[in-house]
């Protein structure tokens, strides 16, 4: 009987892990954490910054030892954060959702209630995200376990068009509780 030389799965995984770790170590080791050098500066004359050495690099020196003037950059103004009015977005989204109530009840809830009358209501919670212009960019639906009706939830998902709210100036995420019928 010949001795088979195989790598077992755990040994192969261990070797692959060591190779990945070595690649990451040597690949990230050569990166410079400092700011990029100015186009006219010679990188051999600038001393390397050690990691954690202070926020300002050493000034550039010319061949004669004189310090070259650093071009000053004007400070960039901080961007003002625009916050959306979540209450206004919630109110507008609920109003838009209510516009579709009659169609959803006729198309989704009534056929389900005709098959099985219990539970008589379906409680859903819509998690909707609107972009800066007030257009829906994401929507999820959670259903209450006690009143869950899979076919109604699936029908509502398919039948309900994207919701719209007035422009908020920033993205906003809202939760919309909705009980049918």
N, C-alpha and C. Protein backbone atom coordinates (compact mmCIF):
# COMPACT_ATOMS: atom_id res chain seq x y z
N UNK A 1 0.84 -1.18 0.00
CA UNK A 1 0.00 0.00 0.00
C UNK A 1 0.88 1.24 0.00
N UNK A 2 0.70 2.09 -0.96
CA UNK A 2 1.51 3.30 -1.08
C UNK A 2 0.98 4.36 -0.14
N UNK A 3 1.88 5.14 0.38
CA UNK A 3 1.50 6.21 1.30
C UNK A 3 1.02 7.41 0.48
N UNK A 4 -0.23 7.77 0.63
CA UNK A 4 -0.79 8.92 -0.09
C UNK A 4 -0.42 10.20 0.64
N UNK A 5 0.08 11.15 -0.10
CA UNK A 5 0.42 12.43 0.50
C UNK A 5 -0.66 13.44 0.11
N UNK A 6 -1.55 13.74 1.05
CA UNK A 6 -2.65 14.67 0.83
C UNK A 6 -2.58 15.76 1.88
N UNK A 7 -3.06 16.90 1.53
CA UNK A 7 -3.27 17.96 2.51
C UNK A 7 -4.69 17.82 3.03
N UNK A 8 -4.82 17.78 4.31
CA UNK A 8 -6.18 17.74 4.86
C UNK A 8 -6.79 19.13 4.75
N UNK A 9 -8.09 19.20 4.83
CA UNK A 9 -8.79 20.49 4.70
C UNK A 9 -8.35 21.50 5.76
N UNK A 10 -8.26 21.12 7.05
CA UNK A 10 -7.81 22.12 8.04
C UNK A 10 -6.40 22.64 7.77
N UNK A 11 -5.49 21.76 7.31
CA UNK A 11 -4.13 22.21 7.02
C UNK A 11 -4.13 23.15 5.82
N UNK A 12 -4.93 22.85 4.80
CA UNK A 12 -5.02 23.73 3.63
C UNK A 12 -5.58 25.09 4.00
N UNK A 13 -6.57 25.12 4.87
CA UNK A 13 -7.15 26.39 5.32
C UNK A 13 -6.12 27.19 6.10
N UNK A 14 -5.35 26.50 6.95
CA UNK A 14 -4.32 27.17 7.73
C UNK A 14 -3.26 27.78 6.82
N UNK A 15 -2.82 27.04 5.82
CA UNK A 15 -1.81 27.55 4.89
C UNK A 15 -2.36 28.75 4.11
N UNK A 16 -3.60 28.67 3.65
CA UNK A 16 -4.21 29.78 2.93
C UNK A 16 -4.31 31.02 3.81
N UNK A 17 -4.67 30.82 5.07
CA UNK A 17 -4.76 31.95 6.01
C UNK A 17 -3.42 32.62 6.21
N UNK A 18 -2.35 31.81 6.34
CA UNK A 18 -1.01 32.37 6.52
C UNK A 18 -0.60 33.15 5.27
N UNK A 19 -0.91 32.64 4.09
CA UNK A 19 -0.57 33.35 2.86
C UNK A 19 -1.32 34.67 2.74
N UNK A 20 -2.59 34.68 3.09
CA UNK A 20 -3.37 35.93 3.04
C UNK A 20 -2.83 36.94 4.04
N UNK A 21 -2.53 36.48 5.26
CA UNK A 21 -1.99 37.38 6.28
C UNK A 21 -0.64 37.95 5.85
N UNK A 22 0.20 37.12 5.27
CA UNK A 22 1.51 37.60 4.81
C UNK A 22 1.33 38.62 3.68
N UNK A 23 0.42 38.34 2.77
CA UNK A 23 0.17 39.29 1.69
C UNK A 23 -0.32 40.63 2.20
N UNK A 24 -1.23 40.60 3.17
CA UNK A 24 -1.71 41.86 3.75
C UNK A 24 -0.60 42.59 4.47
N UNK A 25 0.20 41.86 5.24
CA UNK A 25 1.29 42.49 6.00
C UNK A 25 2.27 43.19 5.07
N UNK A 26 2.77 42.45 4.08
CA UNK A 26 3.76 43.03 3.19
C UNK A 26 3.16 44.05 2.22
N UNK A 27 1.90 43.89 1.87
CA UNK A 27 1.26 44.84 0.97
C UNK A 27 0.97 46.17 1.62
N UNK A 28 0.58 46.15 2.89
CA UNK A 28 0.25 47.40 3.59
C UNK A 28 1.47 48.03 4.24
N UNK A 29 2.54 47.29 4.35
CA UNK A 29 3.74 47.78 5.02
C UNK A 29 4.39 48.94 4.29
N UNK A 30 4.34 48.95 2.97
CA UNK A 30 5.00 49.99 2.19
C UNK A 30 4.19 51.25 2.02
N UNK A 31 2.99 51.29 2.53
CA UNK A 31 2.16 52.50 2.35
C UNK A 31 2.65 53.62 3.24
N UNK A 32 2.62 54.86 2.71
CA UNK A 32 3.00 56.05 3.47
C UNK A 32 1.74 56.68 4.02
N UNK A 33 1.67 56.89 5.30
CA UNK A 33 0.49 57.48 5.91
C UNK A 33 0.47 58.99 5.81
N UNK A 34 1.56 59.60 5.38
CA UNK A 34 1.65 61.05 5.31
C UNK A 34 0.93 61.60 4.10
N UNK A 35 0.79 62.95 4.04
CA UNK A 35 0.15 63.58 2.89
C UNK A 35 1.04 63.45 1.67
N UNK A 36 0.46 63.51 0.47
CA UNK A 36 1.28 63.40 -0.74
C UNK A 36 2.24 64.57 -0.86
N UNK A 37 3.42 64.30 -1.42
CA UNK A 37 4.44 65.34 -1.58
C UNK A 37 3.99 66.34 -2.63
N UNK A 38 4.42 67.59 -2.47
CA UNK A 38 4.08 68.61 -3.47
C UNK A 38 4.83 68.29 -4.75
N UNK A 39 4.31 68.73 -5.90
CA UNK A 39 4.91 68.35 -7.18
C UNK A 39 6.37 68.76 -7.33
N UNK A 40 6.81 69.86 -6.74
CA UNK A 40 8.18 70.33 -6.89
C UNK A 40 9.13 69.77 -5.86
N UNK A 41 8.66 69.10 -4.86
CA UNK A 41 9.52 68.61 -3.80
C UNK A 41 10.18 67.31 -4.20
N UNK A 42 11.45 67.17 -3.79
CA UNK A 42 12.19 65.93 -4.06
C UNK A 42 11.96 65.00 -2.87
N UNK A 43 11.46 63.82 -3.14
CA UNK A 43 11.09 62.92 -2.06
C UNK A 43 12.29 62.38 -1.31
N UNK A 44 13.52 62.45 -1.89
CA UNK A 44 14.69 61.95 -1.17
C UNK A 44 15.16 62.92 -0.11
N UNK A 45 14.83 64.18 -0.23
CA UNK A 45 15.27 65.17 0.75
C UNK A 45 14.29 65.29 1.91
N UNK A 46 13.10 64.79 1.80
CA UNK A 46 12.11 64.89 2.86
C UNK A 46 12.27 63.69 3.79
N UNK A 47 12.41 63.90 5.09
CA UNK A 47 12.52 62.77 6.01
C UNK A 47 11.19 62.05 6.10
N UNK A 48 11.26 60.73 6.27
CA UNK A 48 10.05 59.91 6.41
C UNK A 48 9.42 60.18 7.77
N UNK A 49 8.12 60.23 7.80
CA UNK A 49 7.40 60.40 9.06
C UNK A 49 7.15 59.04 9.66
N UNK A 50 7.39 58.91 10.91
CA UNK A 50 7.07 57.66 11.60
C UNK A 50 5.59 57.67 11.93
N UNK A 51 5.02 56.49 12.01
CA UNK A 51 3.59 56.41 12.32
C UNK A 51 3.36 56.98 13.71
N UNK A 52 2.37 57.83 13.84
CA UNK A 52 2.03 58.43 15.12
C UNK A 52 2.95 59.58 15.48
N UNK A 53 3.83 60.04 14.58
CA UNK A 53 4.78 61.11 14.88
C UNK A 53 4.18 62.48 14.97
N UNK A 54 3.37 63.03 14.87
CA UNK A 54 2.76 64.32 14.92
C UNK A 54 2.05 64.65 13.65
N UNK A 55 1.18 65.60 13.70
CA UNK A 55 0.35 65.90 12.55
C UNK A 55 1.04 66.68 11.45
N UNK A 56 2.17 67.39 11.76
CA UNK A 56 2.78 68.22 10.73
C UNK A 56 4.08 67.60 10.27
N UNK A 57 4.32 67.51 8.96
CA UNK A 57 5.57 66.95 8.45
C UNK A 57 6.70 67.96 8.59
N UNK A 58 7.93 67.47 8.52
CA UNK A 58 9.10 68.36 8.60
C UNK A 58 9.11 69.24 7.36
N UNK A 59 9.58 70.50 7.49
CA UNK A 59 9.61 71.40 6.33
C UNK A 59 10.64 70.92 5.31
N UNK A 60 10.38 71.22 4.03
CA UNK A 60 11.32 70.88 2.96
C UNK A 60 12.57 71.74 3.10
N UNK A 61 13.73 71.13 2.86
CA UNK A 61 14.98 71.88 2.90
C UNK A 61 15.60 71.87 1.52
N UNK A 62 16.19 73.01 1.16
CA UNK A 62 16.88 73.08 -0.12
C UNK A 62 18.28 72.51 0.03
N UNK A 63 19.03 72.43 -1.04
CA UNK A 63 20.36 71.85 -1.00
C UNK A 63 21.29 72.62 -0.06
N UNK A 64 21.10 73.91 0.10
CA UNK A 64 21.95 74.71 0.97
C UNK A 64 21.52 74.65 2.43
N UNK A 65 20.48 73.95 2.76
CA UNK A 65 20.03 73.83 4.15
C UNK A 65 18.95 74.83 4.50
N UNK A 66 18.61 75.76 3.61
CA UNK A 66 17.58 76.74 3.90
C UNK A 66 16.21 76.09 3.78
N UNK A 67 15.30 76.56 4.57
CA UNK A 67 13.94 76.01 4.56
C UNK A 67 13.15 76.65 3.44
N UNK A 68 12.58 75.81 2.58
CA UNK A 68 11.76 76.30 1.48
C UNK A 68 10.38 76.66 2.01
N UNK A 69 9.80 77.69 1.45
CA UNK A 69 8.48 78.14 1.90
C UNK A 69 7.41 77.14 1.46
N UNK A 70 6.56 76.77 2.36
CA UNK A 70 5.45 75.88 2.06
C UNK A 70 4.29 76.72 1.54
N UNK A 71 3.68 76.31 0.43
CA UNK A 71 2.52 77.06 -0.03
C UNK A 71 1.38 76.86 0.97
N UNK A 72 0.76 77.96 1.34
CA UNK A 72 -0.33 77.84 2.31
C UNK A 72 -1.63 77.60 1.57
N UNK A 73 -2.43 76.72 2.11
CA UNK A 73 -3.74 76.42 1.52
C UNK A 73 -4.81 77.10 2.36
N UNK A 74 -5.76 77.70 1.69
CA UNK A 74 -6.85 78.29 2.48
C UNK A 74 -7.66 77.16 3.13
N UNK A 75 -8.12 77.38 4.33
CA UNK A 75 -8.90 76.33 4.99
C UNK A 75 -10.19 76.09 4.23
N UNK A 76 -10.53 74.84 4.09
CA UNK A 76 -11.78 74.50 3.40
C UNK A 76 -12.93 74.64 4.38
N UNK A 77 -13.98 75.32 3.97
CA UNK A 77 -15.11 75.49 4.89
C UNK A 77 -15.80 74.15 5.12
N UNK A 78 -16.21 73.95 6.33
CA UNK A 78 -16.92 72.71 6.66
C UNK A 78 -18.29 72.73 6.00
N UNK A 79 -18.64 71.60 5.45
CA UNK A 79 -19.95 71.50 4.80
C UNK A 79 -21.04 71.53 5.87
N UNK A 80 -22.04 72.31 5.61
CA UNK A 80 -23.13 72.38 6.57
C UNK A 80 -24.03 71.18 6.36
N UNK A 81 -24.30 70.50 7.42
CA UNK A 81 -25.14 69.30 7.34
C UNK A 81 -26.60 69.71 7.26
N UNK A 82 -27.27 69.16 6.29
CA UNK A 82 -28.68 69.43 6.13
C UNK A 82 -29.43 68.27 6.78
N UNK A 83 -30.31 68.60 7.69
CA UNK A 83 -31.07 67.54 8.33
C UNK A 83 -32.52 67.62 7.83
N UNK A 84 -33.04 66.47 7.55
CA UNK A 84 -34.42 66.40 7.07
C UNK A 84 -35.37 66.40 8.25
N UNK A 85 -36.55 66.92 8.04
CA UNK A 85 -37.58 66.92 9.07
C UNK A 85 -38.29 65.58 9.01
N UNK A 86 -37.93 64.69 9.92
CA UNK A 86 -38.47 63.33 9.92
C UNK A 86 -39.97 63.33 10.17
N UNK A 87 -40.45 64.21 11.05
CA UNK A 87 -41.89 64.25 11.33
C UNK A 87 -42.69 64.68 10.10
N UNK A 88 -42.18 65.67 9.39
CA UNK A 88 -42.87 66.12 8.18
C UNK A 88 -42.85 65.03 7.11
N UNK A 89 -41.71 64.34 6.99
CA UNK A 89 -41.61 63.26 6.02
C UNK A 89 -42.55 62.10 6.38
N UNK A 90 -42.64 61.78 7.66
CA UNK A 90 -43.54 60.71 8.10
C UNK A 90 -44.99 61.05 7.82
N UNK A 91 -45.38 62.28 8.13
CA UNK A 91 -46.75 62.72 7.88
C UNK A 91 -47.08 62.68 6.39
N UNK A 92 -46.16 63.18 5.57
CA UNK A 92 -46.39 63.19 4.12
C UNK A 92 -46.43 61.77 3.56
N UNK A 93 -45.56 60.89 4.06
CA UNK A 93 -45.54 59.51 3.57
C UNK A 93 -46.80 58.77 3.97
N UNK A 94 -47.28 58.98 5.19
CA UNK A 94 -48.54 58.34 5.61
C UNK A 94 -49.71 58.83 4.76
N UNK A 95 -49.70 60.12 4.42
CA UNK A 95 -50.75 60.67 3.57
C UNK A 95 -50.70 60.04 2.19
N UNK A 96 -49.50 59.86 1.65
CA UNK A 96 -49.35 59.23 0.34
C UNK A 96 -49.75 57.75 0.40
N UNK A 97 -49.43 57.11 1.50
CA UNK A 97 -49.81 55.70 1.69
C UNK A 97 -51.33 55.55 1.76
N UNK A 98 -51.99 56.47 2.43
CA UNK A 98 -53.46 56.41 2.57
C UNK A 98 -54.17 56.62 1.23
N UNK A 99 -53.52 57.32 0.29
CA UNK A 99 -54.12 57.48 -1.03
C UNK A 99 -54.33 56.14 -1.72
N UNK A 100 -53.53 55.15 -1.36
CA UNK A 100 -53.58 53.84 -2.00
C UNK A 100 -54.39 52.81 -1.21
N UNK A 101 -54.95 53.21 -0.06
CA UNK A 101 -55.63 52.26 0.82
C UNK A 101 -56.77 51.53 0.12
N UNK A 102 -57.66 52.24 -0.53
CA UNK A 102 -58.84 51.61 -1.15
C UNK A 102 -58.43 50.57 -2.19
N UNK A 103 -57.48 50.92 -3.03
CA UNK A 103 -57.03 49.98 -4.06
C UNK A 103 -56.37 48.75 -3.44
N UNK A 104 -55.57 48.94 -2.41
CA UNK A 104 -54.89 47.82 -1.75
C UNK A 104 -55.90 46.92 -1.05
N UNK A 105 -56.88 47.51 -0.38
CA UNK A 105 -57.89 46.70 0.31
C UNK A 105 -58.67 45.87 -0.71
N UNK A 106 -59.08 46.50 -1.81
CA UNK A 106 -59.84 45.76 -2.83
C UNK A 106 -59.02 44.65 -3.48
N UNK A 107 -57.79 44.94 -3.78
CA UNK A 107 -56.96 43.99 -4.52
C UNK A 107 -56.33 42.91 -3.62
N UNK A 108 -55.96 43.26 -2.40
CA UNK A 108 -55.17 42.34 -1.58
C UNK A 108 -55.91 41.79 -0.36
N UNK A 109 -56.60 42.66 0.37
CA UNK A 109 -57.17 42.23 1.65
C UNK A 109 -58.49 41.49 1.47
N UNK A 110 -59.40 42.03 0.67
CA UNK A 110 -60.72 41.40 0.52
C UNK A 110 -60.64 39.95 0.01
N UNK A 111 -59.82 39.65 -1.01
CA UNK A 111 -59.72 38.24 -1.43
C UNK A 111 -59.18 37.33 -0.33
N UNK A 112 -58.27 37.82 0.48
CA UNK A 112 -57.71 37.01 1.56
C UNK A 112 -58.74 36.79 2.67
N UNK A 113 -59.50 37.85 3.00
CA UNK A 113 -60.53 37.72 4.03
C UNK A 113 -61.66 36.80 3.57
N UNK A 114 -61.93 36.75 2.28
CA UNK A 114 -62.97 35.87 1.77
C UNK A 114 -62.58 34.41 1.95
N UNK A 115 -61.29 34.10 1.84
CA UNK A 115 -60.82 32.73 2.04
C UNK A 115 -60.78 32.36 3.51
N UNK A 116 -60.19 33.24 4.33
CA UNK A 116 -60.04 33.00 5.76
C UNK A 116 -60.36 34.29 6.49
N UNK A 117 -61.42 34.31 7.31
CA UNK A 117 -61.80 35.56 7.97
C UNK A 117 -60.91 35.95 9.15
N UNK A 118 -60.15 35.04 9.70
CA UNK A 118 -59.31 35.36 10.85
C UNK A 118 -57.84 35.37 10.45
N UNK A 119 -57.08 36.29 10.89
CA UNK A 119 -57.39 37.49 11.65
C UNK A 119 -58.02 38.56 10.75
N UNK A 120 -58.88 39.37 11.32
CA UNK A 120 -59.63 40.34 10.50
C UNK A 120 -58.79 41.55 10.04
N UNK A 121 -57.67 41.80 10.69
CA UNK A 121 -56.82 42.94 10.31
C UNK A 121 -55.40 42.44 10.03
N UNK A 122 -54.68 43.23 9.28
CA UNK A 122 -53.28 42.96 8.98
C UNK A 122 -52.50 44.21 9.39
N UNK A 123 -51.53 44.02 10.29
CA UNK A 123 -50.72 45.15 10.75
C UNK A 123 -49.35 45.06 10.08
N UNK A 124 -49.02 46.12 9.34
CA UNK A 124 -47.74 46.21 8.63
C UNK A 124 -46.98 47.45 9.10
N UNK A 125 -45.68 47.39 9.00
CA UNK A 125 -44.84 48.56 9.25
C UNK A 125 -43.91 48.69 8.06
N UNK A 126 -44.01 49.81 7.38
CA UNK A 126 -43.15 50.10 6.24
C UNK A 126 -41.93 50.88 6.74
N UNK A 127 -40.75 50.46 6.34
CA UNK A 127 -39.53 51.19 6.62
C UNK A 127 -39.09 51.76 5.27
N UNK A 128 -39.24 53.07 5.10
CA UNK A 128 -39.03 53.70 3.80
C UNK A 128 -37.94 54.75 3.91
N UNK A 129 -37.06 54.77 2.92
CA UNK A 129 -36.02 55.79 2.84
C UNK A 129 -36.27 56.64 1.60
N UNK A 130 -36.24 57.96 1.80
CA UNK A 130 -36.44 58.91 0.71
C UNK A 130 -35.14 59.67 0.48
N UNK A 131 -34.85 60.00 -0.78
CA UNK A 131 -33.66 60.79 -1.08
C UNK A 131 -33.94 62.28 -0.87
N UNK A 132 -32.98 63.11 -1.23
CA UNK A 132 -33.09 64.56 -1.00
C UNK A 132 -34.28 65.18 -1.73
N UNK A 133 -34.66 64.60 -2.88
CA UNK A 133 -35.77 65.13 -3.66
C UNK A 133 -37.12 64.59 -3.19
N UNK A 134 -37.13 63.68 -2.22
CA UNK A 134 -38.38 63.14 -1.70
C UNK A 134 -38.85 61.89 -2.42
N UNK A 135 -38.00 61.30 -3.26
CA UNK A 135 -38.37 60.07 -3.96
C UNK A 135 -37.96 58.86 -3.13
N UNK A 136 -38.79 57.84 -3.15
CA UNK A 136 -38.48 56.62 -2.41
C UNK A 136 -37.28 55.93 -3.06
N UNK A 137 -36.28 55.58 -2.23
CA UNK A 137 -35.13 54.85 -2.75
C UNK A 137 -35.00 53.46 -2.13
N UNK A 138 -35.71 53.21 -1.04
CA UNK A 138 -35.69 51.88 -0.43
C UNK A 138 -36.96 51.70 0.39
N UNK A 139 -37.44 50.44 0.43
CA UNK A 139 -38.64 50.16 1.22
C UNK A 139 -38.58 48.72 1.72
N UNK A 140 -38.90 48.56 2.97
CA UNK A 140 -39.02 47.23 3.56
C UNK A 140 -40.35 47.14 4.28
N UNK A 141 -40.83 45.91 4.46
CA UNK A 141 -42.12 45.71 5.14
C UNK A 141 -41.93 44.68 6.24
N UNK A 142 -42.40 45.02 7.42
CA UNK A 142 -42.45 44.07 8.54
C UNK A 142 -43.91 43.82 8.83
N UNK A 143 -44.22 42.59 9.21
CA UNK A 143 -45.60 42.29 9.55
C UNK A 143 -45.69 41.78 10.99
N UNK A 144 -46.79 42.09 11.62
CA UNK A 144 -47.05 41.63 12.98
C UNK A 144 -47.35 40.13 12.93
N UNK A 145 -46.71 39.36 13.78
CA UNK A 145 -46.90 37.91 13.74
C UNK A 145 -48.33 37.49 14.07
N UNK A 146 -48.96 38.19 14.97
CA UNK A 146 -50.32 37.82 15.38
C UNK A 146 -51.33 38.04 14.27
N UNK A 147 -51.08 39.00 13.39
CA UNK A 147 -52.03 39.31 12.32
C UNK A 147 -51.45 39.04 10.94
N UNK A 148 -50.44 38.23 10.88
CA UNK A 148 -49.72 37.98 9.63
C UNK A 148 -50.57 37.24 8.61
N UNK A 149 -50.53 37.74 7.39
CA UNK A 149 -51.14 37.09 6.22
C UNK A 149 -50.13 37.24 5.09
N UNK A 150 -49.44 36.16 4.80
CA UNK A 150 -48.37 36.21 3.81
C UNK A 150 -48.86 36.72 2.46
N UNK A 151 -50.01 36.22 2.03
CA UNK A 151 -50.49 36.60 0.70
C UNK A 151 -50.83 38.08 0.62
N UNK A 152 -51.30 38.66 1.72
CA UNK A 152 -51.61 40.09 1.74
C UNK A 152 -50.31 40.90 1.68
N UNK A 153 -49.34 40.50 2.49
CA UNK A 153 -48.07 41.23 2.49
C UNK A 153 -47.41 41.16 1.13
N UNK A 154 -47.42 40.00 0.51
CA UNK A 154 -46.83 39.86 -0.83
C UNK A 154 -47.58 40.71 -1.86
N UNK A 155 -48.90 40.72 -1.77
CA UNK A 155 -49.71 41.51 -2.70
C UNK A 155 -49.44 43.01 -2.51
N UNK A 156 -49.35 43.45 -1.25
CA UNK A 156 -49.08 44.86 -0.97
C UNK A 156 -47.71 45.24 -1.52
N UNK A 157 -46.74 44.36 -1.35
CA UNK A 157 -45.39 44.62 -1.87
C UNK A 157 -45.43 44.83 -3.37
N UNK A 158 -46.19 43.98 -4.06
CA UNK A 158 -46.26 44.07 -5.52
C UNK A 158 -47.13 45.22 -6.02
N UNK A 159 -48.22 45.51 -5.32
CA UNK A 159 -49.21 46.47 -5.81
C UNK A 159 -48.93 47.92 -5.43
N UNK A 160 -48.23 48.15 -4.33
CA UNK A 160 -48.01 49.52 -3.86
C UNK A 160 -46.91 50.20 -4.67
N UNK A 161 -47.23 51.31 -5.32
CA UNK A 161 -46.19 52.03 -6.09
C UNK A 161 -45.23 52.74 -5.14
N UNK A 162 -44.10 53.22 -5.66
CA UNK A 162 -43.17 53.97 -4.80
C UNK A 162 -43.85 55.20 -4.21
N UNK A 163 -43.54 55.47 -2.95
CA UNK A 163 -44.13 56.62 -2.26
C UNK A 163 -43.32 57.87 -2.58
N UNK A 164 -43.93 59.02 -2.35
CA UNK A 164 -43.31 60.31 -2.65
C UNK A 164 -43.63 61.27 -1.52
N UNK A 165 -42.63 62.06 -1.11
CA UNK A 165 -42.83 63.11 -0.11
C UNK A 165 -42.21 64.39 -0.66
N UNK A 166 -42.55 65.54 -0.09
CA UNK A 166 -41.90 66.78 -0.53
C UNK A 166 -40.39 66.71 -0.29
N UNK A 167 -39.62 67.41 -1.10
CA UNK A 167 -38.17 67.40 -0.98
C UNK A 167 -37.76 67.83 0.43
N UNK A 168 -36.86 67.05 1.02
CA UNK A 168 -36.41 67.32 2.39
C UNK A 168 -35.02 67.94 2.44
N UNK A 169 -34.29 67.91 1.34
CA UNK A 169 -32.94 68.46 1.33
C UNK A 169 -31.89 67.48 1.81
N UNK A 170 -32.30 66.36 2.37
CA UNK A 170 -31.38 65.31 2.83
C UNK A 170 -32.15 64.00 2.83
N UNK A 171 -31.42 62.91 2.82
CA UNK A 171 -32.07 61.60 2.89
C UNK A 171 -32.73 61.44 4.25
N UNK A 172 -33.85 60.75 4.25
CA UNK A 172 -34.57 60.53 5.50
C UNK A 172 -35.19 59.15 5.47
N UNK A 173 -35.13 58.46 6.62
CA UNK A 173 -35.73 57.15 6.75
C UNK A 173 -36.85 57.25 7.77
N UNK A 174 -38.01 56.68 7.42
CA UNK A 174 -39.17 56.74 8.31
C UNK A 174 -39.79 55.36 8.46
N UNK A 175 -40.45 55.14 9.57
CA UNK A 175 -41.22 53.94 9.81
C UNK A 175 -42.70 54.32 9.78
N UNK A 176 -43.47 53.57 9.00
CA UNK A 176 -44.89 53.90 8.80
C UNK A 176 -45.75 52.72 9.22
N UNK A 177 -46.39 52.79 10.37
CA UNK A 177 -47.31 51.72 10.74
C UNK A 177 -48.60 51.83 9.94
N UNK A 178 -49.13 50.70 9.50
CA UNK A 178 -50.33 50.70 8.66
C UNK A 178 -51.14 49.47 8.99
N UNK A 179 -52.39 49.66 9.32
CA UNK A 179 -53.29 48.56 9.63
C UNK A 179 -54.35 48.48 8.54
N UNK A 180 -54.50 47.27 7.99
CA UNK A 180 -55.50 47.04 6.95
C UNK A 180 -56.57 46.12 7.49
N UNK A 181 -57.79 46.16 7.11
CA UNK A 181 -58.44 47.12 6.25
C UNK A 181 -58.71 48.33 7.01
